[in-house]
Amino acid sequence: MALGRQQVVFSRGNPLARLMLIGEAPGAQEDGRGQPFVGRSGLLLDQLLATAGLDSHRDVYIGNAVKCRPPGNRKPTTLELAACRPWLQQQIALVQPQVLVLVGATALQAVLGLKGPISQLRGQWQSFEGRACMPIFHPAYLLRNGSTQPGRPRDLTRLDLVAVREHLLAFR
């Protein structure tokens, strides 16, 4: 997988934050800039965080389950997730976040080993090594399903992120 990448994409944000977001893998723009979630999905993610009262530079540390762009921008394989898991676990151990937000089904699988539709698992608190975890829809999905109507994916993601902020405020 690393053969086609330009660089390792490790993180962005505050490494002292109590909140860590974990995405899937870098896309082309992330691979070029060396930071996760900097393309259109990243802009939407930053907007959703801001709407929920979270600053993506101050309140959040952002990484990916896989640190190199998969060839053709495809979804990482189970083997690639397993190969990168020790790096992700070390990253979580170093940052020591209180809450993990798992961005999309691939991140959910990478961290918790759960496979299933994100639509059924999003918004439900999970646990990983004593940390609260909130699965949310991936911003790329939200870009394809852009309605902001109540009960639609973008609104549900906003509500999930508000729940994350409230959890952080409750456990200061």
N, C-alpha and C. Protein backbone atom coordinates (compact mmCIF):
# COMPACT_ATOMS: atom_id res chain seq x y z
N MET A 1 0.83 -1.19 0.00
CA MET A 1 0.00 0.00 0.00
C MET A 1 0.87 1.25 0.00
N ALA A 2 1.93 1.28 0.74
CA ALA A 2 2.75 2.49 0.86
C ALA A 2 3.48 2.83 -0.43
N LEU A 3 3.54 1.91 -1.38
CA LEU A 3 4.29 2.16 -2.61
C LEU A 3 3.74 3.34 -3.41
N GLY A 4 2.43 3.57 -3.41
CA GLY A 4 1.85 4.64 -4.20
C GLY A 4 1.69 5.95 -3.46
N ARG A 5 2.07 5.99 -2.23
CA ARG A 5 1.85 7.21 -1.44
C ARG A 5 2.96 8.23 -1.68
N GLN A 6 2.63 9.50 -1.39
CA GLN A 6 3.65 10.55 -1.42
C GLN A 6 4.33 10.66 -0.06
N GLN A 7 3.54 10.50 1.00
CA GLN A 7 4.07 10.63 2.36
C GLN A 7 3.14 9.97 3.36
N VAL A 8 3.64 9.74 4.54
CA VAL A 8 2.81 9.24 5.63
C VAL A 8 1.95 10.40 6.13
N VAL A 9 0.68 10.12 6.32
CA VAL A 9 -0.25 11.13 6.82
C VAL A 9 -0.58 10.76 8.25
N PHE A 10 -0.03 11.53 9.19
CA PHE A 10 -0.12 11.13 10.59
C PHE A 10 -1.27 11.80 11.34
N SER A 11 -1.28 13.13 11.41
CA SER A 11 -2.30 13.78 12.24
C SER A 11 -2.37 15.27 11.95
N ARG A 12 -3.38 15.87 12.54
CA ARG A 12 -3.47 17.34 12.63
C ARG A 12 -4.28 17.64 13.89
N GLY A 13 -4.16 18.87 14.36
CA GLY A 13 -4.90 19.26 15.55
C GLY A 13 -4.02 19.29 16.79
N ASN A 14 -4.67 19.26 17.93
CA ASN A 14 -4.01 19.41 19.22
C ASN A 14 -3.70 18.05 19.84
N PRO A 15 -2.42 17.67 19.96
CA PRO A 15 -2.08 16.38 20.55
C PRO A 15 -2.39 16.30 22.06
N LEU A 16 -2.80 17.41 22.66
CA LEU A 16 -3.19 17.41 24.07
C LEU A 16 -4.71 17.41 24.24
N ALA A 17 -5.44 17.32 23.14
CA ALA A 17 -6.91 17.36 23.19
C ALA A 17 -7.47 16.12 23.88
N ARG A 18 -8.61 16.30 24.49
CA ARG A 18 -9.31 15.17 25.13
C ARG A 18 -10.16 14.40 24.13
N LEU A 19 -10.25 14.91 22.91
CA LEU A 19 -11.05 14.31 21.86
C LEU A 19 -10.17 13.95 20.67
N MET A 20 -10.25 12.69 20.22
CA MET A 20 -9.51 12.25 19.05
C MET A 20 -10.50 11.70 18.03
N LEU A 21 -10.40 12.20 16.80
CA LEU A 21 -11.18 11.68 15.69
C LEU A 21 -10.31 10.74 14.88
N ILE A 22 -10.87 9.60 14.51
CA ILE A 22 -10.14 8.62 13.71
C ILE A 22 -10.94 8.37 12.44
N GLY A 23 -10.30 8.66 11.31
CA GLY A 23 -10.90 8.41 10.02
C GLY A 23 -10.38 7.11 9.42
N GLU A 24 -10.63 6.97 8.13
CA GLU A 24 -10.31 5.74 7.42
C GLU A 24 -8.85 5.72 6.95
N ALA A 25 -8.55 6.53 5.94
CA ALA A 25 -7.23 6.58 5.31
C ALA A 25 -7.12 7.88 4.54
N PRO A 26 -5.92 8.32 4.25
CA PRO A 26 -5.77 9.55 3.49
C PRO A 26 -6.28 9.42 2.06
N GLY A 27 -6.83 10.51 1.55
CA GLY A 27 -7.16 10.62 0.14
C GLY A 27 -6.03 11.34 -0.57
N ALA A 28 -6.27 11.70 -1.81
CA ALA A 28 -5.24 12.34 -2.63
C ALA A 28 -4.77 13.67 -2.03
N GLN A 29 -5.72 14.52 -1.60
CA GLN A 29 -5.32 15.81 -1.04
C GLN A 29 -4.58 15.65 0.28
N GLU A 30 -5.01 14.70 1.09
CA GLU A 30 -4.34 14.45 2.37
C GLU A 30 -2.92 13.93 2.13
N ASP A 31 -2.79 13.04 1.14
CA ASP A 31 -1.48 12.50 0.79
C ASP A 31 -0.55 13.61 0.31
N GLY A 32 -1.08 14.55 -0.45
CA GLY A 32 -0.28 15.66 -0.94
C GLY A 32 0.14 16.64 0.14
N ARG A 33 -0.76 16.88 1.10
CA ARG A 33 -0.47 17.87 2.16
C ARG A 33 0.11 17.25 3.42
N GLY A 34 -0.04 15.94 3.59
CA GLY A 34 0.52 15.28 4.76
C GLY A 34 -0.32 15.43 6.02
N GLN A 35 -1.61 15.77 5.87
CA GLN A 35 -2.51 15.90 7.01
C GLN A 35 -3.85 15.25 6.69
N PRO A 36 -4.50 14.64 7.69
CA PRO A 36 -5.81 14.03 7.43
C PRO A 36 -6.93 15.06 7.35
N PHE A 37 -7.95 14.72 6.61
CA PHE A 37 -9.17 15.53 6.51
C PHE A 37 -8.87 16.99 6.14
N VAL A 38 -8.23 17.19 4.99
CA VAL A 38 -7.97 18.55 4.53
C VAL A 38 -8.65 18.85 3.20
N GLY A 39 -9.30 17.87 2.60
CA GLY A 39 -10.04 18.09 1.36
C GLY A 39 -11.46 18.55 1.66
N ARG A 40 -12.36 18.30 0.72
CA ARG A 40 -13.76 18.70 0.90
C ARG A 40 -14.38 18.05 2.13
N SER A 41 -14.06 16.79 2.37
CA SER A 41 -14.58 16.10 3.56
C SER A 41 -14.07 16.76 4.83
N GLY A 42 -12.80 17.16 4.82
CA GLY A 42 -12.23 17.83 5.99
C GLY A 42 -12.86 19.18 6.26
N LEU A 43 -13.14 19.92 5.20
CA LEU A 43 -13.81 21.21 5.38
C LEU A 43 -15.19 21.02 6.00
N LEU A 44 -15.92 20.03 5.52
CA LEU A 44 -17.24 19.76 6.10
C LEU A 44 -17.10 19.28 7.54
N LEU A 45 -16.12 18.43 7.81
CA LEU A 45 -15.90 17.97 9.18
C LEU A 45 -15.62 19.14 10.11
N ASP A 46 -14.75 20.05 9.69
CA ASP A 46 -14.45 21.24 10.50
C ASP A 46 -15.70 22.08 10.75
N GLN A 47 -16.55 22.23 9.73
CA GLN A 47 -17.80 22.98 9.89
C GLN A 47 -18.73 22.30 10.89
N LEU A 48 -18.85 20.97 10.78
CA LEU A 48 -19.71 20.22 11.71
C LEU A 48 -19.20 20.32 13.14
N LEU A 49 -17.89 20.23 13.30
CA LEU A 49 -17.30 20.39 14.63
C LEU A 49 -17.60 21.77 15.19
N ALA A 50 -17.41 22.80 14.37
CA ALA A 50 -17.67 24.18 14.81
C ALA A 50 -19.13 24.36 15.18
N THR A 51 -20.03 23.80 14.40
CA THR A 51 -21.46 23.90 14.70
C THR A 51 -21.78 23.25 16.06
N ALA A 52 -21.03 22.21 16.39
CA ALA A 52 -21.22 21.53 17.68
C ALA A 52 -20.47 22.21 18.82
N GLY A 53 -19.74 23.30 18.51
CA GLY A 53 -19.01 24.02 19.55
C GLY A 53 -17.62 23.48 19.81
N LEU A 54 -17.03 22.80 18.82
CA LEU A 54 -15.69 22.24 18.96
C LEU A 54 -14.77 22.86 17.91
N ASP A 55 -13.60 23.28 18.33
CA ASP A 55 -12.62 23.87 17.44
C ASP A 55 -11.65 22.77 16.97
N SER A 56 -11.54 22.59 15.65
CA SER A 56 -10.73 21.49 15.12
C SER A 56 -9.23 21.68 15.37
N HIS A 57 -8.79 22.86 15.73
CA HIS A 57 -7.38 23.10 16.02
C HIS A 57 -7.08 23.00 17.51
N ARG A 58 -8.02 23.43 18.34
CA ARG A 58 -7.81 23.49 19.79
C ARG A 58 -8.35 22.26 20.52
N ASP A 59 -9.55 21.81 20.13
CA ASP A 59 -10.28 20.80 20.91
C ASP A 59 -10.13 19.38 20.41
N VAL A 60 -9.50 19.20 19.25
CA VAL A 60 -9.54 17.90 18.58
C VAL A 60 -8.15 17.52 18.05
N TYR A 61 -7.86 16.24 18.14
CA TYR A 61 -6.70 15.64 17.49
C TYR A 61 -7.24 14.68 16.46
N ILE A 62 -6.78 14.78 15.21
CA ILE A 62 -7.36 14.01 14.12
C ILE A 62 -6.30 13.12 13.48
N GLY A 63 -6.64 11.85 13.34
CA GLY A 63 -5.76 10.88 12.67
C GLY A 63 -6.59 9.93 11.83
N ASN A 64 -5.94 8.94 11.28
CA ASN A 64 -6.59 7.91 10.47
C ASN A 64 -6.17 6.53 10.92
N ALA A 65 -7.02 5.55 10.65
CA ALA A 65 -6.69 4.16 10.96
C ALA A 65 -5.51 3.69 10.12
N VAL A 66 -5.44 4.14 8.88
CA VAL A 66 -4.35 3.80 7.96
C VAL A 66 -3.62 5.09 7.63
N LYS A 67 -2.31 5.06 7.69
CA LYS A 67 -1.52 6.28 7.57
C LYS A 67 -1.04 6.59 6.14
N CYS A 68 -1.24 5.67 5.20
CA CYS A 68 -0.83 5.86 3.81
C CYS A 68 -2.03 5.71 2.90
N ARG A 69 -2.03 6.48 1.83
CA ARG A 69 -3.14 6.44 0.88
C ARG A 69 -3.17 5.10 0.15
N PRO A 70 -4.31 4.40 0.21
CA PRO A 70 -4.43 3.15 -0.55
C PRO A 70 -4.42 3.43 -2.06
N PRO A 71 -3.87 2.53 -2.85
CA PRO A 71 -3.84 2.72 -4.31
C PRO A 71 -5.25 2.97 -4.86
N GLY A 72 -5.35 3.94 -5.75
CA GLY A 72 -6.64 4.23 -6.36
C GLY A 72 -7.65 4.83 -5.41
N ASN A 73 -7.19 5.24 -4.26
CA ASN A 73 -8.07 5.84 -3.24
C ASN A 73 -9.16 4.88 -2.78
N ARG A 74 -8.87 3.59 -2.85
CA ARG A 74 -9.85 2.59 -2.45
C ARG A 74 -9.91 2.46 -0.93
N LYS A 75 -10.93 1.79 -0.47
CA LYS A 75 -11.09 1.49 0.96
C LYS A 75 -9.94 0.57 1.39
N PRO A 76 -9.38 0.80 2.57
CA PRO A 76 -8.31 -0.10 3.06
C PRO A 76 -8.83 -1.52 3.25
N THR A 77 -7.97 -2.47 2.97
CA THR A 77 -8.33 -3.88 3.17
C THR A 77 -8.21 -4.24 4.65
N THR A 78 -8.77 -5.39 5.00
CA THR A 78 -8.66 -5.89 6.38
C THR A 78 -7.19 -6.09 6.75
N LEU A 79 -6.39 -6.57 5.81
CA LEU A 79 -4.96 -6.77 6.07
C LEU A 79 -4.25 -5.44 6.31
N GLU A 80 -4.60 -4.42 5.54
CA GLU A 80 -3.99 -3.09 5.72
C GLU A 80 -4.39 -2.50 7.06
N LEU A 81 -5.64 -2.66 7.45
CA LEU A 81 -6.09 -2.18 8.77
C LEU A 81 -5.31 -2.89 9.87
N ALA A 82 -5.14 -4.19 9.74
CA ALA A 82 -4.40 -4.96 10.75
C ALA A 82 -2.93 -4.55 10.80
N ALA A 83 -2.33 -4.30 9.64
CA ALA A 83 -0.91 -3.90 9.59
C ALA A 83 -0.70 -2.54 10.24
N CYS A 84 -1.68 -1.65 10.13
CA CYS A 84 -1.54 -0.30 10.68
C CYS A 84 -2.06 -0.18 12.11
N ARG A 85 -2.74 -1.20 12.59
CA ARG A 85 -3.34 -1.14 13.93
C ARG A 85 -2.33 -0.82 15.03
N PRO A 86 -1.12 -1.43 15.04
CA PRO A 86 -0.16 -1.07 16.11
C PRO A 86 0.20 0.41 16.11
N TRP A 87 0.29 1.02 14.93
CA TRP A 87 0.60 2.45 14.84
C TRP A 87 -0.55 3.27 15.42
N LEU A 88 -1.77 2.88 15.10
CA LEU A 88 -2.94 3.58 15.63
C LEU A 88 -3.02 3.42 17.14
N GLN A 89 -2.81 2.22 17.64
CA GLN A 89 -2.84 2.00 19.09
C GLN A 89 -1.78 2.82 19.80
N GLN A 90 -0.60 2.92 19.23
CA GLN A 90 0.47 3.73 19.82
C GLN A 90 0.09 5.20 19.81
N GLN A 91 -0.53 5.65 18.73
CA GLN A 91 -0.97 7.04 18.62
C GLN A 91 -2.01 7.35 19.70
N ILE A 92 -2.96 6.46 19.89
CA ILE A 92 -3.98 6.65 20.93
C ILE A 92 -3.32 6.66 22.31
N ALA A 93 -2.38 5.75 22.52
CA ALA A 93 -1.68 5.69 23.82
C ALA A 93 -0.89 6.96 24.10
N LEU A 94 -0.30 7.54 23.09
CA LEU A 94 0.48 8.77 23.28
C LEU A 94 -0.41 9.98 23.54
N VAL A 95 -1.52 10.08 22.83
CA VAL A 95 -2.41 11.23 22.96
C VAL A 95 -3.26 11.12 24.23
N GLN A 96 -3.66 9.92 24.61
CA GLN A 96 -4.50 9.69 25.79
C GLN A 96 -5.82 10.46 25.74
N PRO A 97 -6.57 10.36 24.64
CA PRO A 97 -7.84 11.07 24.58
C PRO A 97 -8.87 10.45 25.51
N GLN A 98 -9.78 11.25 25.96
CA GLN A 98 -10.88 10.77 26.79
C GLN A 98 -11.97 10.16 25.91
N VAL A 99 -12.17 10.76 24.74
CA VAL A 99 -13.23 10.34 23.83
C VAL A 99 -12.64 10.12 22.44
N LEU A 100 -13.08 9.05 21.79
CA LEU A 100 -12.75 8.78 20.40
C LEU A 100 -14.00 8.94 19.55
N VAL A 101 -13.89 9.65 18.45
CA VAL A 101 -14.97 9.70 17.46
C VAL A 101 -14.48 8.89 16.27
N LEU A 102 -15.25 7.87 15.92
CA LEU A 102 -14.89 6.97 14.83
C LEU A 102 -15.66 7.40 13.60
N VAL A 103 -14.92 7.93 12.64
CA VAL A 103 -15.51 8.58 11.47
C VAL A 103 -15.70 7.56 10.35
N GLY A 104 -16.90 6.99 10.28
CA GLY A 104 -17.23 6.03 9.23
C GLY A 104 -17.05 4.58 9.66
N ALA A 105 -17.57 3.70 8.81
CA ALA A 105 -17.58 2.27 9.11
C ALA A 105 -16.18 1.66 9.16
N THR A 106 -15.27 2.15 8.33
CA THR A 106 -13.91 1.59 8.33
C THR A 106 -13.18 1.90 9.63
N ALA A 107 -13.33 3.11 10.13
CA ALA A 107 -12.72 3.45 11.43
C ALA A 107 -13.34 2.63 12.55
N LEU A 108 -14.64 2.42 12.47
CA LEU A 108 -15.34 1.59 13.47
C LEU A 108 -14.77 0.17 13.46
N GLN A 109 -14.57 -0.37 12.27
CA GLN A 109 -13.99 -1.71 12.15
C GLN A 109 -12.55 -1.73 12.65
N ALA A 110 -11.78 -0.70 12.29
CA ALA A 110 -10.36 -0.67 12.66
C ALA A 110 -10.16 -0.61 14.17
N VAL A 111 -10.98 0.17 14.86
CA VAL A 111 -10.78 0.37 16.30
C VAL A 111 -11.51 -0.68 17.12
N LEU A 112 -12.78 -0.90 16.83
CA LEU A 112 -13.60 -1.78 17.67
C LEU A 112 -13.80 -3.17 17.08
N GLY A 113 -13.39 -3.36 15.84
CA GLY A 113 -13.59 -4.66 15.20
C GLY A 113 -15.04 -4.93 14.83
N LEU A 114 -15.87 -3.90 14.85
CA LEU A 114 -17.29 -4.06 14.52
C LEU A 114 -17.51 -3.83 13.04
N LYS A 115 -18.18 -4.79 12.41
CA LYS A 115 -18.57 -4.63 11.02
C LYS A 115 -20.09 -4.50 11.01
N GLY A 116 -20.54 -3.59 10.22
CA GLY A 116 -21.98 -3.41 10.11
C GLY A 116 -22.26 -2.05 9.56
N PRO A 117 -23.50 -1.83 9.21
CA PRO A 117 -23.85 -0.53 8.63
C PRO A 117 -23.67 0.59 9.65
N ILE A 118 -22.95 1.61 9.24
CA ILE A 118 -22.74 2.76 10.13
C ILE A 118 -24.07 3.40 10.48
N SER A 119 -25.05 3.28 9.59
CA SER A 119 -26.36 3.88 9.85
C SER A 119 -27.03 3.25 11.08
N GLN A 120 -26.68 2.02 11.41
CA GLN A 120 -27.24 1.36 12.59
C GLN A 120 -26.40 1.57 13.84
N LEU A 121 -25.12 1.91 13.67
CA LEU A 121 -24.21 2.02 14.81
C LEU A 121 -23.89 3.46 15.20
N ARG A 122 -24.07 4.40 14.28
CA ARG A 122 -23.74 5.80 14.58
C ARG A 122 -24.63 6.30 15.72
N GLY A 123 -24.07 7.21 16.49
CA GLY A 123 -24.84 7.82 17.56
C GLY A 123 -24.97 6.98 18.81
N GLN A 124 -24.39 5.79 18.82
CA GLN A 124 -24.46 4.90 19.99
C GLN A 124 -23.08 4.84 20.65
N TRP A 125 -23.01 5.21 21.90
CA TRP A 125 -21.74 5.18 22.61
C TRP A 125 -21.22 3.75 22.67
N GLN A 126 -19.93 3.61 22.42
CA GLN A 126 -19.21 2.35 22.51
C GLN A 126 -18.05 2.58 23.47
N SER A 127 -17.26 1.55 23.72
CA SER A 127 -16.11 1.69 24.61
C SER A 127 -14.89 1.02 23.99
N PHE A 128 -13.73 1.66 24.17
CA PHE A 128 -12.46 1.10 23.72
C PHE A 128 -11.40 1.43 24.77
N GLU A 129 -10.91 0.40 25.44
CA GLU A 129 -9.85 0.56 26.44
C GLU A 129 -10.19 1.67 27.44
N GLY A 130 -11.41 1.66 27.94
CA GLY A 130 -11.85 2.62 28.93
C GLY A 130 -12.21 3.99 28.40
N ARG A 131 -12.20 4.15 27.08
CA ARG A 131 -12.55 5.43 26.47
C ARG A 131 -13.92 5.34 25.83
N ALA A 132 -14.67 6.41 25.95
CA ALA A 132 -15.95 6.50 25.27
C ALA A 132 -15.70 6.70 23.77
N CYS A 133 -16.45 5.99 22.94
CA CYS A 133 -16.32 6.09 21.49
C CYS A 133 -17.67 6.39 20.87
N MET A 134 -17.68 7.34 19.96
CA MET A 134 -18.91 7.69 19.24
C MET A 134 -18.68 7.49 17.74
N PRO A 135 -19.36 6.51 17.13
CA PRO A 135 -19.30 6.38 15.67
C PRO A 135 -20.18 7.45 15.00
N ILE A 136 -19.67 8.03 13.93
CA ILE A 136 -20.44 9.01 13.16
C ILE A 136 -20.31 8.69 11.67
N PHE A 137 -21.21 9.28 10.88
CA PHE A 137 -21.10 9.16 9.44
C PHE A 137 -19.82 9.84 8.96
N HIS A 138 -19.25 9.32 7.88
CA HIS A 138 -18.08 9.93 7.28
C HIS A 138 -18.52 11.17 6.49
N PRO A 139 -17.76 12.26 6.55
CA PRO A 139 -18.14 13.47 5.80
C PRO A 139 -18.27 13.24 4.29
N ALA A 140 -17.52 12.30 3.73
CA ALA A 140 -17.65 12.01 2.29
C ALA A 140 -19.07 11.53 1.99
N TYR A 141 -19.64 10.72 2.88
CA TYR A 141 -21.02 10.27 2.73
C TYR A 141 -21.97 11.46 2.85
N LEU A 142 -21.68 12.35 3.79
CA LEU A 142 -22.55 13.52 3.98
C LEU A 142 -22.50 14.45 2.78
N LEU A 143 -21.37 14.52 2.10
CA LEU A 143 -21.28 15.35 0.89
C LEU A 143 -22.18 14.79 -0.21
N ARG A 144 -22.34 13.49 -0.24
CA ARG A 144 -23.22 12.86 -1.24
C ARG A 144 -24.68 12.92 -0.82
N ASN A 145 -24.93 13.13 0.47
CA ASN A 145 -26.28 13.17 1.03
C ASN A 145 -26.41 14.48 1.81
N GLY A 146 -26.50 15.57 1.09
CA GLY A 146 -26.32 16.89 1.67
C GLY A 146 -27.48 17.53 2.39
N SER A 147 -28.62 16.87 2.46
CA SER A 147 -29.77 17.48 3.11
C SER A 147 -29.47 17.79 4.58
N THR A 148 -29.87 18.97 5.01
CA THR A 148 -29.71 19.36 6.41
C THR A 148 -31.03 19.26 7.17
N GLN A 149 -32.02 18.62 6.57
CA GLN A 149 -33.32 18.43 7.20
C GLN A 149 -33.16 17.62 8.49
N PRO A 150 -33.99 17.90 9.49
CA PRO A 150 -33.95 17.10 10.73
C PRO A 150 -34.12 15.61 10.42
N GLY A 151 -33.29 14.80 11.09
CA GLY A 151 -33.35 13.36 10.91
C GLY A 151 -32.54 12.82 9.75
N ARG A 152 -31.99 13.70 8.92
CA ARG A 152 -31.15 13.27 7.80
C ARG A 152 -29.71 13.10 8.29
N PRO A 153 -28.85 12.38 7.54
CA PRO A 153 -27.50 12.08 8.03
C PRO A 153 -26.68 13.28 8.50
N ARG A 154 -26.74 14.40 7.80
CA ARG A 154 -25.94 15.55 8.22
C ARG A 154 -26.42 16.08 9.57
N ASP A 155 -27.72 16.15 9.76
CA ASP A 155 -28.28 16.60 11.03
C ASP A 155 -27.96 15.60 12.14
N LEU A 156 -28.05 14.31 11.84
CA LEU A 156 -27.72 13.29 12.84
C LEU A 156 -26.26 13.38 13.26
N THR A 157 -25.38 13.67 12.31
CA THR A 157 -23.95 13.82 12.63
C THR A 157 -23.73 15.04 13.52
N ARG A 158 -24.42 16.12 13.22
CA ARG A 158 -24.33 17.31 14.06
C ARG A 158 -24.76 16.96 15.49
N LEU A 159 -25.87 16.24 15.63
CA LEU A 159 -26.36 15.85 16.96
C LEU A 159 -25.36 14.92 17.66
N ASP A 160 -24.75 14.01 16.92
CA ASP A 160 -23.74 13.12 17.51
C ASP A 160 -22.56 13.92 18.05
N LEU A 161 -22.13 14.91 17.30
CA LEU A 161 -20.99 15.73 17.74
C LEU A 161 -21.37 16.62 18.93
N VAL A 162 -22.60 17.08 18.99
CA VAL A 162 -23.08 17.82 20.16
C VAL A 162 -23.05 16.89 21.38
N ALA A 163 -23.46 15.64 21.21
CA ALA A 163 -23.42 14.67 22.32
C ALA A 163 -21.98 14.46 22.79
N VAL A 164 -21.05 14.43 21.85
CA VAL A 164 -19.63 14.29 22.21
C VAL A 164 -19.17 15.49 23.03
N ARG A 165 -19.51 16.70 22.57
CA ARG A 165 -19.12 17.91 23.31
C ARG A 165 -19.73 17.89 24.71
N GLU A 166 -20.99 17.52 24.82
CA GLU A 166 -21.65 17.47 26.14
C GLU A 166 -20.99 16.44 27.04
N HIS A 167 -20.58 15.31 26.47
CA HIS A 167 -19.87 14.28 27.25
C HIS A 167 -18.56 14.84 27.79
N LEU A 168 -17.84 15.56 26.93
CA LEU A 168 -16.57 16.15 27.36
C LEU A 168 -16.78 17.18 28.46
N LEU A 169 -17.84 17.99 28.33
CA LEU A 169 -18.13 19.00 29.35
C LEU A 169 -18.54 18.36 30.67
N ALA A 170 -19.24 17.25 30.62
CA ALA A 170 -19.70 16.57 31.83
C ALA A 170 -18.56 15.93 32.60
N PHE A 171 -17.47 15.61 31.91
CA PHE A 171 -16.34 14.91 32.54
C PHE A 171 -15.07 15.73 32.47
N ARG A 172 -15.15 16.99 32.87
CA ARG A 172 -13.97 17.86 32.88
C ARG A 172 -13.03 17.50 33.96
